[in-house]
């Protein structure tokens, strides 16, 4: 699915409002503070080992999910020479992008939830709320941007692959691979 040559090269660049920029900065700071709170002040605060183990599993899965998009887009995204992996010219619908449309954002969400479970403290729960809402907002924004960039091809892709529901996406992906 090749991008129309008439599309502006920088169309994918986000144009944030001042409010969105402020929320991004605040959300980023809160994410960093959540990391510090989780690992230096409130690690396993309630001593619930099951939550601790689930949290670590989600955190590790989140990091993996954040790494996979770069590899998939670099390999299959039709990136012009000298451009970064975010300057794709084709819709990638294989690998992790055949499971969810926004694996990077799923990774962020899993990491935030994982740190909350590792910490087991209300402070990390509160610190994670703004970053979670920010991720949800940018996921929707990214979908809208991709519809503008790729048109009907992206709309068709979005009907086949869930936005962020990894469980449903994995089930569909495995079913599709099994029937091939």
N, C-alpha and C. Protein backbone atom coordinates (compact mmCIF):
# COMPACT_ATOMS: atom_id res chain seq x y z
N UNK A 1 0.83 -1.18 0.00
CA UNK A 1 0.00 0.00 0.00
C UNK A 1 0.88 1.24 0.00
N UNK A 2 1.22 1.73 -1.15
CA UNK A 2 2.14 2.84 -1.30
C UNK A 2 1.43 4.17 -1.02
N UNK A 3 2.12 5.06 -0.36
CA UNK A 3 1.61 6.39 -0.08
C UNK A 3 1.61 7.22 -1.35
N UNK A 4 0.58 8.00 -1.55
CA UNK A 4 0.46 8.87 -2.69
C UNK A 4 1.66 9.83 -2.72
N UNK A 5 2.30 9.93 -3.86
CA UNK A 5 3.50 10.76 -3.99
C UNK A 5 3.23 12.22 -3.72
N UNK A 6 1.97 12.64 -3.86
CA UNK A 6 1.64 14.05 -3.66
C UNK A 6 1.57 14.42 -2.18
N UNK A 7 1.56 13.41 -1.31
CA UNK A 7 1.46 13.68 0.11
C UNK A 7 2.72 14.41 0.57
N UNK A 8 2.52 15.42 1.38
CA UNK A 8 3.66 16.19 1.87
C UNK A 8 4.56 15.30 2.72
N UNK A 9 5.86 15.50 2.57
CA UNK A 9 6.84 14.69 3.29
C UNK A 9 6.66 14.80 4.80
N UNK A 10 6.33 15.95 5.28
CA UNK A 10 6.24 16.17 6.72
C UNK A 10 4.83 16.02 7.26
N UNK A 11 3.92 15.45 6.51
CA UNK A 11 2.54 15.37 6.95
C UNK A 11 2.40 14.63 8.27
N UNK A 12 3.26 13.67 8.53
CA UNK A 12 3.18 12.87 9.74
C UNK A 12 3.61 13.67 10.97
N UNK A 13 4.32 14.75 10.78
CA UNK A 13 4.75 15.56 11.92
C UNK A 13 3.54 16.09 12.66
N UNK A 14 3.57 15.93 13.93
CA UNK A 14 2.43 16.33 14.76
C UNK A 14 2.43 17.84 14.95
N UNK A 15 1.23 18.39 14.96
CA UNK A 15 1.07 19.80 15.23
C UNK A 15 0.29 19.90 16.54
N UNK A 16 1.01 19.99 17.64
CA UNK A 16 0.38 20.01 18.96
C UNK A 16 -0.10 21.41 19.31
N UNK A 17 -1.26 21.44 19.94
CA UNK A 17 -1.72 22.71 20.50
C UNK A 17 -0.88 22.99 21.74
N UNK A 18 -0.97 24.21 22.26
CA UNK A 18 -0.23 24.54 23.48
C UNK A 18 -0.69 23.67 24.64
N UNK A 19 -1.99 23.40 24.70
CA UNK A 19 -2.52 22.56 25.78
C UNK A 19 -1.97 21.13 25.67
N UNK A 20 -1.94 20.60 24.45
CA UNK A 20 -1.40 19.24 24.25
C UNK A 20 0.09 19.19 24.58
N UNK A 21 0.81 20.22 24.21
CA UNK A 21 2.23 20.27 24.54
C UNK A 21 2.43 20.31 26.05
N UNK A 22 1.63 21.11 26.74
CA UNK A 22 1.71 21.19 28.20
C UNK A 22 1.38 19.84 28.83
N UNK A 23 0.34 19.19 28.34
CA UNK A 23 -0.03 17.88 28.87
C UNK A 23 1.08 16.86 28.60
N UNK A 24 1.71 16.95 27.44
CA UNK A 24 2.81 16.04 27.12
C UNK A 24 3.98 16.23 28.07
N UNK A 25 4.32 17.46 28.33
CA UNK A 25 5.43 17.74 29.24
C UNK A 25 5.09 17.27 30.65
N UNK A 26 3.90 17.61 31.12
CA UNK A 26 3.47 17.19 32.45
C UNK A 26 3.40 15.66 32.53
N UNK A 27 2.83 15.03 31.50
CA UNK A 27 2.73 13.57 31.47
C UNK A 27 4.10 12.91 31.48
N UNK A 28 5.03 13.45 30.71
CA UNK A 28 6.39 12.91 30.69
C UNK A 28 7.08 13.03 32.03
N UNK A 29 6.92 14.19 32.67
CA UNK A 29 7.50 14.38 34.00
C UNK A 29 6.87 13.42 35.00
N UNK A 30 5.55 13.27 34.92
CA UNK A 30 4.87 12.35 35.84
C UNK A 30 5.32 10.90 35.62
N UNK A 31 5.58 10.53 34.38
CA UNK A 31 6.07 9.19 34.08
C UNK A 31 7.44 8.97 34.72
N UNK A 32 8.32 9.95 34.60
CA UNK A 32 9.65 9.84 35.20
C UNK A 32 9.55 9.78 36.72
N UNK A 33 8.69 10.61 37.30
CA UNK A 33 8.49 10.60 38.75
C UNK A 33 7.89 9.26 39.18
N UNK A 34 7.00 8.69 38.35
CA UNK A 34 6.44 7.37 38.68
C UNK A 34 7.54 6.31 38.71
N UNK A 35 8.46 6.36 37.77
CA UNK A 35 9.59 5.42 37.77
C UNK A 35 10.38 5.55 39.06
N UNK A 36 10.72 6.79 39.42
CA UNK A 36 11.49 7.02 40.65
C UNK A 36 10.72 6.56 41.88
N UNK A 37 9.44 6.89 41.94
CA UNK A 37 8.62 6.49 43.09
C UNK A 37 8.52 4.98 43.18
N UNK A 38 8.35 4.34 42.06
CA UNK A 38 8.18 2.89 42.02
C UNK A 38 9.42 2.16 42.52
N UNK A 39 10.57 2.54 42.05
CA UNK A 39 11.77 1.77 42.34
C UNK A 39 12.61 2.29 43.51
N UNK A 40 12.40 3.54 43.94
CA UNK A 40 13.23 4.06 45.01
C UNK A 40 12.47 4.36 46.30
N UNK A 41 11.15 4.54 46.23
CA UNK A 41 10.42 4.93 47.43
C UNK A 41 9.32 3.94 47.83
N UNK A 42 8.63 3.38 46.87
CA UNK A 42 7.46 2.57 47.20
C UNK A 42 7.50 1.17 46.59
N UNK A 43 8.64 0.57 46.46
CA UNK A 43 8.76 -0.75 45.85
C UNK A 43 8.04 -1.79 46.71
N UNK A 44 7.06 -2.46 46.13
CA UNK A 44 6.31 -3.53 46.80
C UNK A 44 5.78 -3.07 48.16
N UNK A 45 5.17 -1.90 48.20
CA UNK A 45 4.73 -1.26 49.44
C UNK A 45 3.77 -2.11 50.26
N UNK A 46 2.92 -2.88 49.62
CA UNK A 46 1.95 -3.72 50.33
C UNK A 46 2.43 -5.16 50.51
N UNK A 47 3.62 -5.45 50.00
CA UNK A 47 4.22 -6.79 50.12
C UNK A 47 3.33 -7.88 49.51
N UNK A 48 2.64 -7.55 48.43
CA UNK A 48 1.81 -8.53 47.74
C UNK A 48 2.64 -9.08 46.57
N UNK A 49 3.26 -10.21 46.81
CA UNK A 49 4.20 -10.76 45.84
C UNK A 49 3.56 -11.09 44.50
N UNK A 50 2.32 -11.56 44.49
CA UNK A 50 1.66 -11.88 43.23
C UNK A 50 1.54 -10.62 42.36
N UNK A 51 1.12 -9.50 42.97
CA UNK A 51 1.05 -8.24 42.21
C UNK A 51 2.43 -7.80 41.74
N UNK A 52 3.43 -8.02 42.56
CA UNK A 52 4.80 -7.67 42.20
C UNK A 52 5.23 -8.44 40.95
N UNK A 53 4.98 -9.74 40.93
CA UNK A 53 5.38 -10.57 39.79
C UNK A 53 4.59 -10.20 38.53
N UNK A 54 3.31 -9.97 38.67
CA UNK A 54 2.49 -9.55 37.53
C UNK A 54 2.99 -8.21 37.01
N UNK A 55 3.31 -7.31 37.93
CA UNK A 55 3.83 -5.99 37.54
C UNK A 55 5.13 -6.10 36.75
N UNK A 56 6.05 -6.95 37.22
CA UNK A 56 7.30 -7.13 36.50
C UNK A 56 7.06 -7.73 35.11
N UNK A 57 6.14 -8.69 35.03
CA UNK A 57 5.82 -9.30 33.73
C UNK A 57 5.26 -8.24 32.77
N UNK A 58 4.36 -7.39 33.26
CA UNK A 58 3.79 -6.33 32.42
C UNK A 58 4.84 -5.31 32.02
N UNK A 59 5.73 -4.97 32.94
CA UNK A 59 6.78 -4.00 32.64
C UNK A 59 7.71 -4.54 31.56
N UNK A 60 8.11 -5.79 31.67
CA UNK A 60 9.00 -6.40 30.67
C UNK A 60 8.28 -6.51 29.33
N UNK A 61 7.02 -6.97 29.36
CA UNK A 61 6.24 -7.04 28.12
C UNK A 61 6.08 -5.65 27.50
N UNK A 62 5.90 -4.63 28.35
CA UNK A 62 5.79 -3.26 27.86
C UNK A 62 7.04 -2.81 27.15
N UNK A 63 8.21 -3.12 27.71
CA UNK A 63 9.47 -2.74 27.07
C UNK A 63 9.64 -3.47 25.73
N UNK A 64 9.25 -4.74 25.69
CA UNK A 64 9.33 -5.49 24.43
C UNK A 64 8.40 -4.84 23.39
N UNK A 65 7.18 -4.52 23.83
CA UNK A 65 6.22 -3.89 22.91
C UNK A 65 6.72 -2.54 22.41
N UNK A 66 7.50 -1.84 23.21
CA UNK A 66 8.03 -0.55 22.77
C UNK A 66 9.19 -0.72 21.79
N UNK A 67 9.87 -1.86 21.83
CA UNK A 67 11.00 -2.09 20.93
C UNK A 67 10.57 -2.63 19.57
N UNK A 68 9.51 -3.43 19.54
CA UNK A 68 9.10 -4.09 18.30
C UNK A 68 8.71 -3.15 17.16
N UNK A 69 8.02 -2.03 17.42
CA UNK A 69 7.63 -1.16 16.30
C UNK A 69 8.81 -0.62 15.50
N UNK A 70 9.86 -0.26 16.18
CA UNK A 70 11.02 0.29 15.47
C UNK A 70 11.59 -0.74 14.50
N UNK A 71 11.70 -1.99 14.98
CA UNK A 71 12.23 -3.05 14.11
C UNK A 71 11.30 -3.31 12.93
N UNK A 72 9.99 -3.39 13.20
CA UNK A 72 9.02 -3.69 12.13
C UNK A 72 8.97 -2.57 11.10
N UNK A 73 8.94 -1.33 11.56
CA UNK A 73 8.85 -0.21 10.63
C UNK A 73 10.15 -0.03 9.86
N UNK A 74 11.28 -0.25 10.51
CA UNK A 74 12.57 -0.13 9.82
C UNK A 74 12.70 -1.17 8.73
N UNK A 75 12.16 -2.36 8.97
CA UNK A 75 12.26 -3.46 8.02
C UNK A 75 11.25 -3.33 6.88
N UNK A 76 10.02 -2.93 7.18
CA UNK A 76 8.95 -3.02 6.18
C UNK A 76 8.23 -1.70 5.90
N UNK A 77 8.67 -0.60 6.47
CA UNK A 77 7.93 0.65 6.37
C UNK A 77 8.21 1.50 5.15
N UNK A 78 9.08 1.04 4.24
CA UNK A 78 9.37 1.83 3.05
C UNK A 78 9.95 3.20 3.38
N UNK A 79 10.86 3.23 4.31
CA UNK A 79 11.41 4.50 4.81
C UNK A 79 12.42 5.05 3.80
N UNK A 80 12.26 6.31 3.40
CA UNK A 80 13.25 6.91 2.49
C UNK A 80 14.64 6.96 3.13
N UNK A 81 15.65 6.82 2.32
CA UNK A 81 17.02 6.82 2.82
C UNK A 81 17.32 8.12 3.58
N UNK A 82 17.94 7.97 4.72
CA UNK A 82 18.31 9.11 5.55
C UNK A 82 17.22 9.56 6.50
N UNK A 83 16.04 8.93 6.45
CA UNK A 83 14.93 9.30 7.34
C UNK A 83 14.86 8.32 8.51
N UNK A 84 14.18 8.74 9.57
CA UNK A 84 14.04 7.87 10.73
C UNK A 84 12.89 6.90 10.53
N UNK A 85 12.77 5.96 11.43
CA UNK A 85 11.76 4.90 11.34
C UNK A 85 10.33 5.40 11.43
N UNK A 86 10.10 6.62 11.85
CA UNK A 86 8.73 7.14 11.92
C UNK A 86 8.25 7.72 10.59
N UNK A 87 9.11 7.79 9.60
CA UNK A 87 8.75 8.34 8.29
C UNK A 87 8.39 7.22 7.32
N UNK A 88 7.43 6.41 7.69
CA UNK A 88 7.03 5.30 6.83
C UNK A 88 6.25 5.81 5.62
N UNK A 89 6.32 5.05 4.55
CA UNK A 89 5.58 5.40 3.35
C UNK A 89 4.55 4.34 2.99
N UNK A 90 4.54 3.24 3.74
CA UNK A 90 3.57 2.16 3.51
C UNK A 90 2.99 1.74 4.86
N UNK A 91 1.81 1.15 4.80
CA UNK A 91 1.19 0.62 6.01
C UNK A 91 1.82 -0.74 6.28
N UNK A 92 2.36 -0.90 7.47
CA UNK A 92 2.92 -2.18 7.87
C UNK A 92 1.84 -2.93 8.63
N UNK A 93 1.49 -4.11 8.12
CA UNK A 93 0.45 -4.89 8.76
C UNK A 93 0.91 -6.32 9.07
N UNK A 94 2.21 -6.49 9.17
CA UNK A 94 2.81 -7.78 9.50
C UNK A 94 3.43 -7.72 10.88
N UNK A 95 3.68 -8.88 11.45
CA UNK A 95 4.31 -8.95 12.76
C UNK A 95 3.45 -8.28 13.81
N UNK A 96 4.07 -7.48 14.64
CA UNK A 96 3.35 -6.83 15.74
C UNK A 96 2.25 -5.92 15.22
N UNK A 97 2.42 -5.34 14.03
CA UNK A 97 1.39 -4.48 13.45
C UNK A 97 0.22 -5.28 12.86
N UNK A 98 0.33 -6.59 12.84
CA UNK A 98 -0.79 -7.44 12.50
C UNK A 98 -1.61 -7.81 13.73
N UNK A 99 -1.07 -7.48 14.91
CA UNK A 99 -1.74 -7.78 16.18
C UNK A 99 -2.44 -6.54 16.72
N UNK A 100 -1.73 -5.43 16.81
CA UNK A 100 -2.30 -4.15 17.25
C UNK A 100 -1.75 -3.03 16.37
N UNK A 101 -2.55 -1.98 16.21
CA UNK A 101 -2.12 -0.86 15.37
C UNK A 101 -1.11 0.04 16.08
N UNK A 102 -1.10 0.04 17.39
CA UNK A 102 -0.25 0.97 18.13
C UNK A 102 0.55 0.24 19.22
N UNK A 103 1.48 -0.64 18.81
CA UNK A 103 2.22 -1.41 19.81
C UNK A 103 3.09 -0.54 20.73
N UNK A 104 3.60 0.56 20.24
CA UNK A 104 4.41 1.43 21.08
C UNK A 104 3.58 1.97 22.24
N UNK A 105 2.37 2.41 21.94
CA UNK A 105 1.49 2.94 22.98
C UNK A 105 1.01 1.84 23.93
N UNK A 106 0.77 0.64 23.40
CA UNK A 106 0.42 -0.49 24.26
C UNK A 106 1.57 -0.74 25.23
N UNK A 107 2.79 -0.67 24.73
CA UNK A 107 3.96 -0.85 25.58
C UNK A 107 4.04 0.18 26.69
N UNK A 108 3.76 1.42 26.35
CA UNK A 108 3.77 2.48 27.37
C UNK A 108 2.73 2.18 28.44
N UNK A 109 1.52 1.81 28.00
CA UNK A 109 0.45 1.55 28.96
C UNK A 109 0.79 0.36 29.85
N UNK A 110 1.32 -0.70 29.27
CA UNK A 110 1.71 -1.86 30.07
C UNK A 110 2.80 -1.50 31.08
N UNK A 111 3.73 -0.66 30.66
CA UNK A 111 4.81 -0.23 31.57
C UNK A 111 4.26 0.58 32.73
N UNK A 112 3.35 1.49 32.44
CA UNK A 112 2.76 2.33 33.50
C UNK A 112 1.97 1.45 34.48
N UNK A 113 1.16 0.56 33.96
CA UNK A 113 0.38 -0.34 34.82
C UNK A 113 1.31 -1.27 35.59
N UNK A 114 2.33 -1.77 34.91
CA UNK A 114 3.30 -2.65 35.57
C UNK A 114 3.98 -1.97 36.75
N UNK A 115 4.40 -0.72 36.57
CA UNK A 115 5.05 0.00 37.67
C UNK A 115 4.09 0.23 38.83
N UNK A 116 2.83 0.48 38.52
CA UNK A 116 1.84 0.65 39.58
C UNK A 116 1.69 -0.63 40.39
N UNK A 117 1.68 -1.77 39.71
CA UNK A 117 1.56 -3.05 40.41
C UNK A 117 2.83 -3.41 41.17
N UNK A 118 3.98 -3.05 40.63
CA UNK A 118 5.24 -3.30 41.33
C UNK A 118 5.29 -2.47 42.61
N UNK A 119 4.88 -1.24 42.51
CA UNK A 119 4.92 -0.33 43.65
C UNK A 119 3.85 -0.64 44.69
N UNK A 120 2.63 -0.87 44.23
CA UNK A 120 1.49 -1.12 45.11
C UNK A 120 1.24 0.04 46.07
N UNK A 121 1.39 1.24 45.55
CA UNK A 121 1.18 2.43 46.37
C UNK A 121 0.31 3.42 45.60
N UNK A 122 -0.55 4.12 46.33
CA UNK A 122 -1.48 5.04 45.69
C UNK A 122 -0.77 6.19 44.97
N UNK A 123 0.42 6.54 45.39
CA UNK A 123 1.16 7.64 44.74
C UNK A 123 1.49 7.27 43.30
N UNK A 124 1.97 6.04 43.08
CA UNK A 124 2.30 5.64 41.70
C UNK A 124 1.03 5.49 40.86
N UNK A 125 -0.07 5.10 41.48
CA UNK A 125 -1.34 5.04 40.76
C UNK A 125 -1.73 6.43 40.27
N UNK A 126 -1.65 7.41 41.15
CA UNK A 126 -1.99 8.79 40.76
C UNK A 126 -1.02 9.33 39.71
N UNK A 127 0.26 9.02 39.87
CA UNK A 127 1.26 9.50 38.92
C UNK A 127 1.07 8.89 37.53
N UNK A 128 0.46 7.72 37.44
CA UNK A 128 0.27 7.07 36.16
C UNK A 128 -0.97 7.50 35.40
N UNK A 129 -1.89 8.18 36.06
CA UNK A 129 -3.15 8.53 35.41
C UNK A 129 -2.96 9.48 34.23
N UNK A 130 -2.24 10.57 34.41
CA UNK A 130 -2.04 11.54 33.32
C UNK A 130 -1.27 10.90 32.15
N UNK A 131 -0.17 10.18 32.40
CA UNK A 131 0.49 9.52 31.26
C UNK A 131 -0.43 8.52 30.54
N UNK A 132 -1.26 7.78 31.26
CA UNK A 132 -2.19 6.86 30.61
C UNK A 132 -3.18 7.61 29.73
N UNK A 133 -3.74 8.68 30.24
CA UNK A 133 -4.68 9.48 29.45
C UNK A 133 -4.00 10.10 28.24
N UNK A 134 -2.75 10.51 28.43
CA UNK A 134 -1.98 11.09 27.33
C UNK A 134 -1.77 10.04 26.23
N UNK A 135 -1.43 8.82 26.61
CA UNK A 135 -1.23 7.74 25.63
C UNK A 135 -2.52 7.47 24.86
N UNK A 136 -3.64 7.42 25.56
CA UNK A 136 -4.93 7.19 24.90
C UNK A 136 -5.22 8.31 23.90
N UNK A 137 -4.99 9.55 24.31
CA UNK A 137 -5.22 10.69 23.42
C UNK A 137 -4.35 10.60 22.17
N UNK A 138 -3.06 10.33 22.36
CA UNK A 138 -2.16 10.28 21.22
C UNK A 138 -2.42 9.08 20.32
N UNK A 139 -2.95 8.01 20.88
CA UNK A 139 -3.32 6.86 20.05
C UNK A 139 -4.43 7.25 19.09
N UNK A 140 -5.42 7.94 19.60
CA UNK A 140 -6.52 8.40 18.74
C UNK A 140 -6.02 9.42 17.72
N UNK A 141 -5.15 10.30 18.15
CA UNK A 141 -4.58 11.31 17.26
C UNK A 141 -3.79 10.63 16.13
N UNK A 142 -3.03 9.61 16.50
CA UNK A 142 -2.22 8.88 15.52
C UNK A 142 -3.12 8.19 14.49
N UNK A 143 -4.23 7.60 14.95
CA UNK A 143 -5.16 6.98 14.03
C UNK A 143 -5.70 8.02 13.03
N UNK A 144 -6.10 9.15 13.55
CA UNK A 144 -6.63 10.22 12.69
C UNK A 144 -5.56 10.68 11.68
N UNK A 145 -4.35 10.84 12.16
CA UNK A 145 -3.24 11.26 11.30
C UNK A 145 -2.96 10.22 10.22
N UNK A 146 -3.04 8.94 10.59
CA UNK A 146 -2.78 7.88 9.61
C UNK A 146 -3.89 7.77 8.57
N UNK A 147 -5.12 8.07 8.95
CA UNK A 147 -6.21 8.09 7.97
C UNK A 147 -5.95 9.20 6.96
N UNK A 148 -5.49 10.37 7.45
CA UNK A 148 -5.17 11.47 6.54
C UNK A 148 -3.99 11.11 5.63
N UNK A 149 -3.03 10.39 6.18
CA UNK A 149 -1.82 10.06 5.44
C UNK A 149 -2.04 8.94 4.42
N UNK A 150 -2.76 7.88 4.83
CA UNK A 150 -2.89 6.69 3.99
C UNK A 150 -4.29 6.48 3.40
N UNK A 151 -5.28 7.25 3.87
CA UNK A 151 -6.62 7.17 3.31
C UNK A 151 -7.35 5.86 3.62
N UNK A 152 -8.08 5.38 2.60
CA UNK A 152 -8.92 4.20 2.77
C UNK A 152 -8.12 2.95 3.15
N UNK A 153 -6.88 2.88 2.72
CA UNK A 153 -6.05 1.73 3.07
C UNK A 153 -5.90 1.61 4.58
N UNK A 154 -5.73 2.73 5.24
CA UNK A 154 -5.59 2.68 6.70
C UNK A 154 -6.93 2.37 7.36
N UNK A 155 -8.01 2.89 6.80
CA UNK A 155 -9.34 2.59 7.33
C UNK A 155 -9.60 1.09 7.25
N UNK A 156 -9.26 0.47 6.13
CA UNK A 156 -9.42 -0.97 5.98
C UNK A 156 -8.54 -1.71 6.99
N UNK A 157 -7.31 -1.28 7.14
CA UNK A 157 -6.38 -1.87 8.12
C UNK A 157 -6.96 -1.75 9.53
N UNK A 158 -7.52 -0.59 9.86
CA UNK A 158 -8.05 -0.39 11.21
C UNK A 158 -9.29 -1.25 11.48
N UNK A 159 -9.98 -1.67 10.44
CA UNK A 159 -11.11 -2.58 10.61
C UNK A 159 -10.65 -4.00 10.90
N UNK A 160 -9.45 -4.34 10.44
CA UNK A 160 -8.92 -5.70 10.63
C UNK A 160 -8.11 -5.85 11.92
N UNK A 161 -7.43 -4.80 12.32
CA UNK A 161 -6.49 -4.89 13.45
C UNK A 161 -6.93 -3.94 14.55
N UNK A 162 -7.08 -4.46 15.79
CA UNK A 162 -7.52 -3.59 16.89
C UNK A 162 -6.51 -2.48 17.20
N UNK A 163 -7.04 -1.39 17.73
CA UNK A 163 -6.20 -0.25 18.08
C UNK A 163 -5.16 -0.63 19.14
N UNK A 164 -5.63 -1.18 20.26
CA UNK A 164 -4.71 -1.48 21.36
C UNK A 164 -5.01 -2.80 22.07
N UNK A 165 -6.08 -3.47 21.73
CA UNK A 165 -6.47 -4.69 22.43
C UNK A 165 -5.59 -5.85 21.97
N UNK A 166 -4.53 -6.08 22.72
CA UNK A 166 -3.53 -7.08 22.37
C UNK A 166 -4.11 -8.49 22.36
N UNK A 167 -4.99 -8.80 23.31
CA UNK A 167 -5.56 -10.15 23.42
C UNK A 167 -6.42 -10.46 22.19
N UNK A 168 -7.33 -9.57 21.84
CA UNK A 168 -8.18 -9.77 20.67
C UNK A 168 -7.32 -9.79 19.40
N UNK A 169 -6.37 -8.89 19.31
CA UNK A 169 -5.50 -8.83 18.14
C UNK A 169 -4.68 -10.09 17.96
N UNK A 170 -4.15 -10.62 19.05
CA UNK A 170 -3.36 -11.85 18.97
C UNK A 170 -4.22 -13.02 18.55
N UNK A 171 -5.44 -13.10 19.10
CA UNK A 171 -6.36 -14.18 18.72
C UNK A 171 -6.69 -14.11 17.23
N UNK A 172 -6.99 -12.91 16.72
CA UNK A 172 -7.29 -12.74 15.29
C UNK A 172 -6.07 -13.10 14.44
N UNK A 173 -4.91 -12.64 14.87
CA UNK A 173 -3.67 -12.89 14.12
C UNK A 173 -3.38 -14.38 14.02
N UNK A 174 -3.51 -15.08 15.15
CA UNK A 174 -3.24 -16.51 15.15
C UNK A 174 -4.29 -17.27 14.34
N UNK A 175 -5.53 -16.84 14.41
CA UNK A 175 -6.60 -17.47 13.62
C UNK A 175 -6.32 -17.28 12.12
N UNK A 176 -5.94 -16.07 11.76
CA UNK A 176 -5.65 -15.77 10.36
C UNK A 176 -4.44 -16.58 9.87
N UNK A 177 -3.42 -16.70 10.67
CA UNK A 177 -2.23 -17.47 10.29
C UNK A 177 -2.55 -18.95 10.19
N UNK A 178 -3.46 -19.43 11.06
CA UNK A 178 -3.85 -20.82 11.04
C UNK A 178 -4.66 -21.19 9.81
N UNK A 179 -5.43 -20.23 9.29
CA UNK A 179 -6.26 -20.49 8.12
C UNK A 179 -5.49 -20.29 6.82
N UNK A 180 -4.29 -19.74 6.90
CA UNK A 180 -3.48 -19.49 5.69
C UNK A 180 -2.81 -20.75 5.20
